[in-house]
Amino acid sequence: MISRRSFLSIAGAAAGLPVVRLAAQRGRGPGGNESAGPLPPSIAALTSMRDRAKAITADERRARIARAQKLMAEQKIDAILLAGGTTMNYFTGMRWGNSERLTAVVIPRVGNPFIVTPAFEEDRTREQLAGGPVEHTDVAIWQEDESPFERVAQGLKDRGIGAGRLGIEETSKFVFADSIAGAAPALHVTSATPITAGCRMIKDAHEVELMRLACQVTLKCYEAVFHAIAPGMTQNQVSSLIGTAYGRLGFSGFASVQVGEYTALPHGSITPQTIREGTIIMIDDGCAVEGYQSDITRTFVLGKATDKMKKVFDIVHQAQSAALAAARPGVALESIDAAARKVIVDAGYGPGFKYFSHRVGHGMGMDGHEWPYLVKNNMYGWEKALRMQAGMVFSDEPGVYIKGEFGVRLEDDMHVTESGAELFTPQSPSIEQPF
């Protein structure tokens, strides 16, 4: 599925934006977004925070595999298959994308994982396995005129799982799951989500530390850019400044920037926009620290805001506080959305999703959006039985969007503790002084 930030970049290209601006919007690589001419003082003053990020170790990943195997026993799943993506990275440290060629890690309930990969990718696969938690494991290769799905089926059969239950990670392509089922008709192919999400949705202290750092980096970036924004700038120039600021801070990041009436569209518009004195501005997204994401939104005005803007900002601020206060272990996930939504509806911006048009939050970790989600009647049935647990991390992002006028969203990332919840970053104080 295409991500929001990828969509915005692709849409920008379709609108004819210069390539240099797209590179800045996508935040490709530290230090790669310096614009011509002197930097604004607030951005020039930024220094790298990279040395504060400590990588996830092989031992930590082995513990994750052991946790997954424990959950497999509980769920009566005999093995899970991970194609390229963040879940493969989470368990093995391998950084691998998805293509039409299957590279997969199979983790059995008992014993060591095994790998299936194209023959021409064997060296690259082993290179990524080196020093990781599954360094010494079987690697089954397949040639271009052979079936990788038969390699998966044979590997499972060799481990006594010829007729067991195989869980497929949810972002894997349907053709992979369907083809494995065809190659091993005695297997029952099912969802691995109770295993993969069961592991990933509870963050340990190291993961929380990385996400906290990512949020601190993002807030420093936003504050520096806020002091650098001037009337007459376009949203793409501001995005470029954001990319430069992230580079100086030592991390790769991105933000969408919306101005004026386009802030009333929760995910913005590709329409060219120019900042004027007194116009409302919304900056949203984040960065990655050792693979862990931040997602922060700040809405503010350069100069003097209208009374209506101030009123809506205060309502959204109160809604964000209400969601934070409601969050604690044991509560229903939908109750957090309900707490924020009640504040907004009671203030006259209702009913339901009329002005607050999206859920109040989503789980966060190695993906900007991941399990679980804070909303009533979530589309994923497995999640409906879940309740909030210590170690979960969510966005807390209520908003009010008045079409044709403006929108306000305030977003910080929320860590559930044993006794309640905390935000990784301070709430925005006001619409005119957001930091």
Protein backbone atom coordinates (compact mmCIF):
# COMPACT_ATOMS: atom_id res chain seq x y z
CA MET A 1 0.00 0.00 0.00
CA ILE A 2 1.34 3.44 -0.90
CA SER A 3 2.12 5.60 2.11
CA ARG A 4 0.94 9.16 2.63
CA ARG A 5 4.44 10.60 2.33
CA SER A 6 5.12 8.59 -0.85
CA PHE A 7 1.80 9.77 -2.31
CA LEU A 8 2.60 13.40 -1.62
CA SER A 9 5.98 13.08 -3.29
CA ILE A 10 4.54 11.29 -6.33
CA ALA A 11 1.71 13.81 -6.57
CA GLY A 12 4.20 16.63 -6.39
CA ALA A 13 6.12 15.15 -9.31
CA ALA A 14 2.90 14.93 -11.30
CA ALA A 15 2.31 18.63 -10.65
CA GLY A 16 5.71 19.46 -12.12
CA LEU A 17 7.61 20.33 -8.93
CA PRO A 18 11.38 20.51 -9.39
CA VAL A 19 13.27 17.33 -8.57
CA VAL A 20 15.39 19.12 -5.98
CA ARG A 21 12.30 20.03 -4.02
CA LEU A 22 10.99 16.48 -4.13
CA ALA A 23 14.31 15.24 -2.77
CA ALA A 24 13.99 17.70 0.08
CA GLN A 25 10.39 16.71 0.76
CA ARG A 26 11.35 13.07 0.97
CA GLY A 27 14.21 13.90 3.33
CA ARG A 28 16.70 11.60 1.60
CA GLY A 29 19.75 11.26 3.78
CA PRO A 30 21.42 13.47 6.36
CA GLY A 31 23.00 16.62 5.05
CA GLY A 32 21.77 16.19 1.50
CA ASN A 33 19.21 18.98 1.40
CA GLU A 34 21.30 22.12 1.81
CA SER A 35 19.82 24.90 -0.30
CA ALA A 36 21.85 27.53 -2.15
CA GLY A 37 22.84 30.59 -0.16
CA PRO A 38 23.24 31.12 3.57
CA LEU A 39 21.09 29.10 5.92
CA PRO A 40 18.60 30.84 8.21
CA PRO A 41 20.28 31.27 11.63
CA SER A 42 17.81 28.98 13.42
CA ILE A 43 18.66 26.12 11.04
CA ALA A 44 22.38 26.85 10.91
CA ALA A 45 22.45 26.54 14.72
CA LEU A 46 21.24 22.92 14.64
CA THR A 47 23.78 20.21 15.45
CA SER A 48 23.71 16.45 14.98
CA MET A 49 21.95 14.28 17.54
CA ARG A 50 22.88 11.04 15.80
CA ASP A 51 25.29 9.88 18.50
CA ARG A 52 22.33 9.54 20.87
CA ALA A 53 20.81 6.72 18.79
CA LYS A 54 21.82 3.18 19.78
CA ALA A 55 21.11 0.38 17.30
CA ILE A 56 18.96 -2.64 18.14
CA THR A 57 21.25 -5.58 18.92
CA ALA A 58 21.20 -9.16 17.64
CA ASP A 59 20.36 -10.38 21.15
CA GLU A 60 17.33 -8.10 21.25
CA ARG A 61 16.15 -9.52 17.93
CA ARG A 62 16.67 -13.10 19.18
CA ALA A 63 14.40 -12.27 22.11
CA ARG A 64 11.79 -11.05 19.63
CA ILE A 65 11.95 -14.32 17.72
CA ALA A 66 11.55 -16.24 20.99
CA ARG A 67 8.53 -14.08 21.85
CA ALA A 68 7.02 -14.78 18.42
CA GLN A 69 7.50 -18.52 18.93
CA LYS A 70 5.77 -18.33 22.31
CA LEU A 71 2.82 -16.55 20.71
CA MET A 72 2.74 -19.15 17.91
CA ALA A 73 2.32 -21.87 20.52
CA GLU A 74 -0.55 -19.95 22.11
CA GLN A 75 -2.23 -19.28 18.75
CA LYS A 76 -1.60 -22.80 17.40
CA ILE A 77 0.35 -21.49 14.41
CA ASP A 78 3.25 -23.68 13.29
CA ALA A 79 5.30 -21.07 11.41
CA ILE A 80 5.11 -17.53 10.09
CA LEU A 81 6.44 -16.16 6.81
CA LEU A 82 7.82 -12.63 6.48
CA ALA A 83 8.43 -11.06 3.08
CA GLY A 84 10.39 -7.81 2.74
CA GLY A 85 9.48 -4.86 4.91
CA THR A 86 9.63 -3.60 8.46
CA THR A 87 8.50 -6.84 10.11
CA MET A 88 11.39 -8.74 8.52
CA ASN A 89 13.68 -5.96 9.74
CA TYR A 90 12.13 -6.08 13.22
CA PHE A 91 12.95 -9.75 13.72
CA THR A 92 16.14 -10.20 11.69
CA GLY A 93 17.72 -6.81 11.02
CA MET A 94 17.47 -7.47 7.25
CA ARG A 95 16.53 -4.40 5.21
CA TRP A 96 14.70 -5.80 2.23
CA GLY A 97 12.00 -4.41 -0.02
CA ASN A 98 9.19 -6.30 -1.70
CA SER A 99 9.22 -7.13 -5.39
CA GLU A 100 7.74 -9.82 -7.64
CA ARG A 101 10.63 -12.10 -6.57
CA LEU A 102 10.08 -13.71 -3.19
CA THR A 103 12.69 -13.27 -0.50
CA ALA A 104 11.22 -14.58 2.74
CA VAL A 105 12.16 -15.40 6.29
CA VAL A 106 10.23 -18.34 7.73
CA ILE A 107 10.16 -18.59 11.52
CA PRO A 108 8.92 -21.99 12.76
CA ARG A 109 7.33 -22.42 16.15
CA VAL A 110 10.23 -24.68 17.12
CA GLY A 111 13.77 -24.38 15.82
CA ASN A 112 15.73 -21.89 13.74
CA PRO A 113 14.31 -19.70 10.98
CA PHE A 114 15.19 -20.39 7.36
CA ILE A 115 15.46 -18.09 4.36
CA VAL A 116 14.23 -18.41 0.77
CA THR A 117 15.83 -16.02 -1.72
CA PRO A 118 16.70 -15.77 -5.44
CA ALA A 119 20.02 -17.37 -6.32
CA PHE A 120 21.47 -14.12 -7.60
CA GLU A 121 20.57 -12.49 -4.26
CA GLU A 122 22.29 -15.14 -2.11
CA ASP A 123 25.43 -13.10 -1.43
CA ARG A 124 23.42 -10.00 -0.55
CA THR A 125 21.15 -12.07 1.69
CA ARG A 126 24.07 -13.62 3.57
CA GLU A 127 25.71 -10.21 3.89
CA GLN A 128 22.61 -8.88 5.64
CA LEU A 129 22.38 -11.96 7.86
CA ALA A 130 25.98 -11.50 9.06
CA GLY A 131 26.11 -10.52 12.70
CA GLY A 132 22.35 -10.77 13.08
CA PRO A 133 20.14 -13.08 15.12
CA VAL A 134 19.74 -15.67 12.34
CA GLU A 135 23.28 -15.50 10.95
CA HIS A 136 23.73 -19.28 11.02
CA THR A 137 20.60 -20.54 9.32
CA ASP A 138 19.59 -22.38 6.16
CA VAL A 139 19.34 -20.31 2.97
CA ALA A 140 17.35 -21.97 0.19
CA ILE A 141 17.96 -20.42 -3.22
CA TRP A 142 15.85 -20.55 -6.36
CA GLN A 143 16.70 -19.82 -9.98
CA GLU A 144 14.59 -17.57 -12.18
CA ASP A 145 12.93 -20.58 -13.86
CA GLU A 146 12.12 -22.27 -10.53
CA SER A 147 9.38 -21.78 -7.95
CA PRO A 148 10.30 -20.07 -4.65
CA PHE A 149 7.00 -21.29 -3.26
CA GLU A 150 8.08 -24.90 -3.62
CA ARG A 151 11.23 -23.98 -1.67
CA VAL A 152 9.03 -22.64 1.12
CA ALA A 153 6.85 -25.75 1.06
CA GLN A 154 9.87 -28.06 1.14
CA GLY A 155 11.51 -26.12 3.95
CA LEU A 156 8.36 -26.44 6.03
CA LYS A 157 8.03 -30.15 5.20
CA ASP A 158 11.65 -30.72 6.23
CA ARG A 159 10.71 -29.27 9.61
CA GLY A 160 7.61 -31.40 10.02
CA ILE A 161 5.15 -28.66 9.03
CA GLY A 162 3.87 -30.15 5.78
CA ALA A 163 0.28 -30.01 7.01
CA GLY A 164 0.42 -27.35 9.71
CA ARG A 165 -0.77 -23.75 9.96
CA LEU A 166 1.36 -21.09 8.26
CA GLY A 167 0.81 -17.45 9.15
CA ILE A 168 1.58 -14.88 6.43
CA GLU A 169 2.66 -11.38 7.48
CA GLU A 170 -0.10 -8.96 6.55
CA THR A 171 1.83 -6.73 4.13
CA SER A 172 3.04 -9.68 2.03
CA LYS A 173 1.64 -9.82 -1.48
CA PHE A 174 -1.48 -11.91 -2.01
CA VAL A 175 0.25 -13.74 -4.86
CA PHE A 176 2.86 -15.01 -2.41
CA ALA A 177 0.28 -16.42 0.01
CA ASP A 178 -1.83 -17.84 -2.80
CA SER A 179 1.16 -19.47 -4.51
CA ILE A 180 2.42 -21.02 -1.26
CA ALA A 181 -1.04 -22.45 -0.66
CA GLY A 182 -0.93 -23.95 -4.17
CA ALA A 183 2.53 -25.44 -3.63
CA ALA A 184 1.53 -26.96 -0.27
CA PRO A 185 -2.18 -27.80 -0.42
CA ALA A 186 -2.07 -29.61 2.92
CA LEU A 187 -1.02 -26.38 4.66
CA HIS A 188 -3.60 -24.08 6.19
CA VAL A 189 -2.53 -20.53 5.27
CA THR A 190 -3.72 -17.90 7.73
CA SER A 191 -2.85 -14.44 9.05
CA ALA A 192 0.32 -13.94 11.08
CA THR A 193 -1.00 -10.67 12.53
CA PRO A 194 -1.71 -12.04 16.02
CA ILE A 195 1.98 -12.99 16.14
CA THR A 196 3.66 -10.08 14.37
CA ALA A 197 1.47 -7.35 15.81
CA GLY A 198 1.42 -9.19 19.13
CA CYS A 199 5.18 -8.62 19.27
CA ARG A 200 5.52 -5.25 17.60
CA MET A 201 2.74 -3.35 19.35
CA ILE A 202 4.42 -3.62 22.77
CA LYS A 203 7.59 -1.53 22.81
CA ASP A 204 10.46 -2.27 25.16
CA ALA A 205 12.59 0.41 26.85
CA HIS A 206 15.07 0.61 23.96
CA GLU A 207 12.34 1.07 21.37
CA VAL A 208 10.72 3.75 23.51
CA GLU A 209 14.08 5.50 23.82
CA LEU A 210 14.50 5.54 20.03
CA MET A 211 10.98 6.85 19.46
CA ARG A 212 11.41 9.51 22.11
CA LEU A 213 14.60 10.65 20.39
CA ALA A 214 12.84 10.69 17.00
CA CYS A 215 10.15 12.94 18.46
CA GLN A 216 12.71 15.26 20.04
CA VAL A 217 14.53 15.53 16.71
CA THR A 218 11.29 16.34 14.88
CA LEU A 219 10.29 19.01 17.37
CA LYS A 220 13.73 20.66 17.13
CA CYS A 221 13.43 20.61 13.35
CA TYR A 222 9.96 22.16 13.40
CA GLU A 223 10.95 24.87 15.86
CA ALA A 224 13.99 25.86 13.80
CA VAL A 225 11.88 25.99 10.64
CA PHE A 226 9.17 28.02 12.39
CA HIS A 227 11.74 30.71 13.16
CA ALA A 228 12.98 30.58 9.55
CA ILE A 229 9.60 30.92 7.79
CA ALA A 230 8.87 34.28 6.19
CA PRO A 231 5.89 35.64 4.25
CA GLY A 232 6.21 34.93 0.56
CA MET A 233 7.63 31.44 0.98
CA THR A 234 5.87 28.56 -0.74
CA GLN A 235 5.00 25.29 0.95
CA ASN A 236 7.72 23.58 -1.08
CA GLN A 237 10.37 26.03 0.11
CA VAL A 238 9.34 25.28 3.70
CA SER A 239 9.52 21.53 2.98
CA SER A 240 13.03 22.07 1.66
CA LEU A 241 14.00 23.87 4.87
CA ILE A 242 12.61 20.93 6.85
CA GLY A 243 14.75 18.48 4.87
CA THR A 244 17.82 20.66 5.48
CA ALA A 245 17.07 20.91 9.21
CA TYR A 246 16.73 17.14 9.52
CA GLY A 247 20.03 16.72 7.72
CA ARG A 248 21.79 18.97 10.19
CA LEU A 249 20.23 17.02 13.05
CA GLY A 250 21.66 13.82 11.56
CA PHE A 251 18.51 11.98 10.50
CA SER A 252 16.32 11.44 7.48
CA GLY A 253 12.91 13.06 7.72
CA PHE A 254 10.02 14.56 5.81
CA ALA A 255 7.06 16.86 6.40
CA SER A 256 4.07 17.95 4.40
CA VAL A 257 3.30 21.67 4.64
CA GLN A 258 -0.19 23.10 4.08
CA VAL A 259 -1.24 26.74 4.10
CA GLY A 260 -4.53 28.60 4.60
CA GLU A 261 -7.69 26.87 3.43
CA TYR A 262 -5.71 23.72 2.54
CA THR A 263 -5.10 23.04 6.24
CA ALA A 264 -8.78 22.01 6.27
CA LEU A 265 -7.80 18.91 4.28
CA PRO A 266 -6.30 16.48 6.82
CA HIS A 267 -3.71 15.17 4.34
CA GLY A 268 -3.39 18.40 2.43
CA SER A 269 -3.30 19.34 -1.23
CA ILE A 270 -0.71 19.55 -4.02
CA THR A 271 -2.09 22.98 -4.99
CA PRO A 272 0.73 25.58 -4.96
CA GLN A 273 0.46 27.61 -1.76
CA THR A 274 2.17 30.78 -0.55
CA ILE A 275 2.53 31.91 3.06
CA ARG A 276 1.20 35.35 3.95
CA GLU A 277 1.19 37.26 7.21
CA GLY A 278 -1.68 35.94 9.32
CA THR A 279 -2.20 32.73 7.34
CA ILE A 280 -2.50 29.44 9.16
CA ILE A 281 0.17 26.78 8.47
CA MET A 282 0.14 23.04 9.23
CA ILE A 283 3.33 20.93 9.29
CA ASP A 284 2.97 17.17 9.67
CA ASP A 285 5.08 14.00 9.65
CA GLY A 286 8.38 12.94 11.15
CA CYS A 287 11.73 11.20 10.93
CA ALA A 288 13.31 7.79 11.48
CA VAL A 289 15.84 6.94 14.21
CA GLU A 290 17.33 3.44 13.82
CA GLY A 291 14.15 2.53 11.95
CA TYR A 292 11.72 3.94 14.55
CA GLN A 293 9.34 6.71 13.57
CA SER A 294 8.03 9.97 14.91
CA ASP A 295 4.80 11.61 13.71
CA ILE A 296 4.14 15.16 14.91
CA THR A 297 1.86 17.93 13.67
CA ARG A 298 2.07 21.61 14.53
CA THR A 299 -0.49 24.18 13.40
CA PHE A 300 0.37 27.86 13.78
CA VAL A 301 0.02 31.37 12.38
CA LEU A 302 2.79 33.76 11.44
CA GLY A 303 1.76 36.96 13.13
CA LYS A 304 -1.72 37.46 14.56
CA ALA A 305 -4.35 34.74 14.48
CA THR A 306 -8.07 35.45 14.28
CA ASP A 307 -10.22 34.86 17.34
CA LYS A 308 -11.83 31.89 15.59
CA MET A 309 -8.44 30.33 14.92
CA LYS A 310 -7.48 30.76 18.57
CA LYS A 311 -10.78 29.25 19.73
CA VAL A 312 -10.45 26.20 17.47
CA PHE A 313 -6.81 25.72 18.53
CA ASP A 314 -7.86 25.72 22.19
CA ILE A 315 -10.62 23.17 21.52
CA VAL A 316 -8.20 20.83 19.76
CA HIS A 317 -5.64 21.32 22.53
CA GLN A 318 -8.26 20.32 25.11
CA ALA A 319 -9.23 17.29 23.02
CA GLN A 320 -5.60 16.17 22.84
CA SER A 321 -5.34 16.52 26.62
CA ALA A 322 -8.56 14.53 27.07
CA ALA A 323 -7.21 11.65 24.99
CA LEU A 324 -3.99 11.65 27.01
CA ALA A 325 -5.90 11.64 30.31
CA ALA A 326 -8.09 8.73 29.17
CA ALA A 327 -5.16 6.55 28.10
CA ARG A 328 -4.10 3.85 30.57
CA PRO A 329 -3.69 0.07 30.61
CA GLY A 330 -6.92 -1.91 30.43
CA VAL A 331 -9.19 0.65 28.76
CA ALA A 332 -10.92 0.03 25.45
CA LEU A 333 -8.98 1.51 22.54
CA GLU A 334 -12.09 3.24 21.21
CA SER A 335 -12.55 5.10 24.51
CA ILE A 336 -9.51 7.28 23.76
CA ASP A 337 -11.07 8.46 20.51
CA ALA A 338 -14.37 8.98 22.30
CA ALA A 339 -12.78 11.18 24.96
CA ALA A 340 -11.22 13.52 22.40
CA ARG A 341 -14.27 13.51 20.15
CA LYS A 342 -16.59 14.47 23.03
CA VAL A 343 -14.58 17.64 23.67
CA ILE A 344 -14.81 18.66 20.03
CA VAL A 345 -18.50 17.80 19.60
CA ASP A 346 -19.46 19.50 22.87
CA ALA A 347 -17.69 22.64 21.63
CA GLY A 348 -20.00 22.75 18.60
CA TYR A 349 -17.92 20.92 16.02
CA GLY A 350 -20.03 17.83 15.53
CA PRO A 351 -21.74 15.51 15.23
CA GLY A 352 -19.47 12.53 14.87
CA PHE A 353 -16.85 12.91 12.16
CA LYS A 354 -18.26 16.09 10.56
CA TYR A 355 -15.37 18.35 11.60
CA PHE A 356 -13.07 15.88 13.37
CA SER A 357 -12.98 13.61 10.34
CA HIS A 358 -10.45 10.91 11.31
CA ARG A 359 -9.55 8.69 14.25
CA VAL A 360 -7.68 10.23 17.15
CA GLY A 361 -4.65 7.99 16.83
CA HIS A 362 -2.76 5.08 15.33
CA GLY A 363 -0.14 2.75 16.68
CA MET A 364 3.47 3.65 15.95
CA GLY A 365 6.85 1.97 15.82
CA MET A 366 8.93 0.98 12.81
CA ASP A 367 5.99 2.06 10.66
CA GLY A 368 4.40 5.46 11.05
CA HIS A 369 1.01 3.71 11.13
CA GLU A 370 0.84 0.25 12.71
CA TRP A 371 -1.15 -1.80 15.20
CA PRO A 372 -3.26 -0.98 17.11
CA TYR A 373 -5.63 1.90 16.23
CA LEU A 374 -7.68 4.25 18.39
CA VAL A 375 -11.16 4.33 16.90
CA LYS A 376 -14.56 2.70 17.29
CA ASN A 377 -15.47 -0.23 15.02
CA ASN A 378 -12.00 -0.65 13.59
CA MET A 379 -12.00 -2.48 10.26
CA TYR A 380 -9.66 -5.21 11.51
CA GLY A 381 -11.56 -7.83 13.47
CA TRP A 382 -8.51 -9.14 15.36
CA GLU A 383 -8.03 -5.75 16.97
CA LYS A 384 -11.54 -5.40 18.37
CA ALA A 385 -10.76 -7.58 21.38
CA LEU A 386 -7.63 -5.60 22.23
CA ARG A 387 -7.33 -3.23 25.14
CA MET A 388 -4.67 -0.70 25.85
CA GLN A 389 -1.47 -2.14 27.32
CA ALA A 390 1.64 -0.65 28.85
CA GLY A 391 4.33 -0.30 26.20
CA MET A 392 2.01 0.67 23.38
CA VAL A 393 2.79 3.89 21.49
CA PHE A 394 0.18 5.93 19.61
CA SER A 395 -0.22 9.23 17.91
CA ASP A 396 -2.55 11.60 19.78
CA GLU A 397 -3.86 13.82 16.98
CA PRO A 398 -7.31 15.36 17.21
CA GLY A 399 -8.28 18.00 14.69
CA VAL A 400 -11.03 20.34 13.57
CA TYR A 401 -11.30 20.97 9.82
CA ILE A 402 -13.57 23.74 8.52
CA LYS A 403 -13.70 23.39 4.75
CA GLY A 404 -13.06 26.58 2.84
CA GLU A 405 -11.57 28.26 5.91
CA PHE A 406 -8.85 26.40 7.84
CA GLY A 407 -8.02 23.36 9.94
CA VAL A 408 -6.15 22.77 13.18
CA ARG A 409 -4.50 19.49 14.11
CA LEU A 410 -2.18 18.96 17.06
CA GLU A 411 -0.23 15.72 17.12
CA ASP A 412 2.26 14.32 19.60
CA ASP A 413 3.22 10.71 20.20
CA MET A 414 1.91 9.00 23.31
CA HIS A 415 3.55 6.20 25.30
CA VAL A 416 1.33 4.08 27.54
CA THR A 417 2.93 3.47 30.94
CA GLU A 418 1.96 1.17 33.80
CA SER A 419 -0.05 3.97 35.44
CA GLY A 420 -1.28 6.09 32.52
CA ALA A 421 0.33 7.69 29.51
CA GLU A 422 2.91 10.33 28.60
CA LEU A 423 3.62 12.41 25.52
CA PHE A 424 7.16 12.22 24.17
CA THR A 425 7.04 15.96 23.42
CA PRO A 426 5.37 18.94 25.12
CA GLN A 427 2.01 20.01 23.77
CA SER A 428 2.00 23.09 21.58
CA PRO A 429 1.28 26.13 23.83
CA SER A 430 -0.60 28.39 21.41
CA ILE A 431 -1.37 29.04 17.77
CA GLU A 432 0.89 32.10 17.63
CA GLN A 433 3.71 30.68 19.79
CA PRO A 434 3.67 26.97 18.99
CA PHE A 435 6.98 26.08 20.72
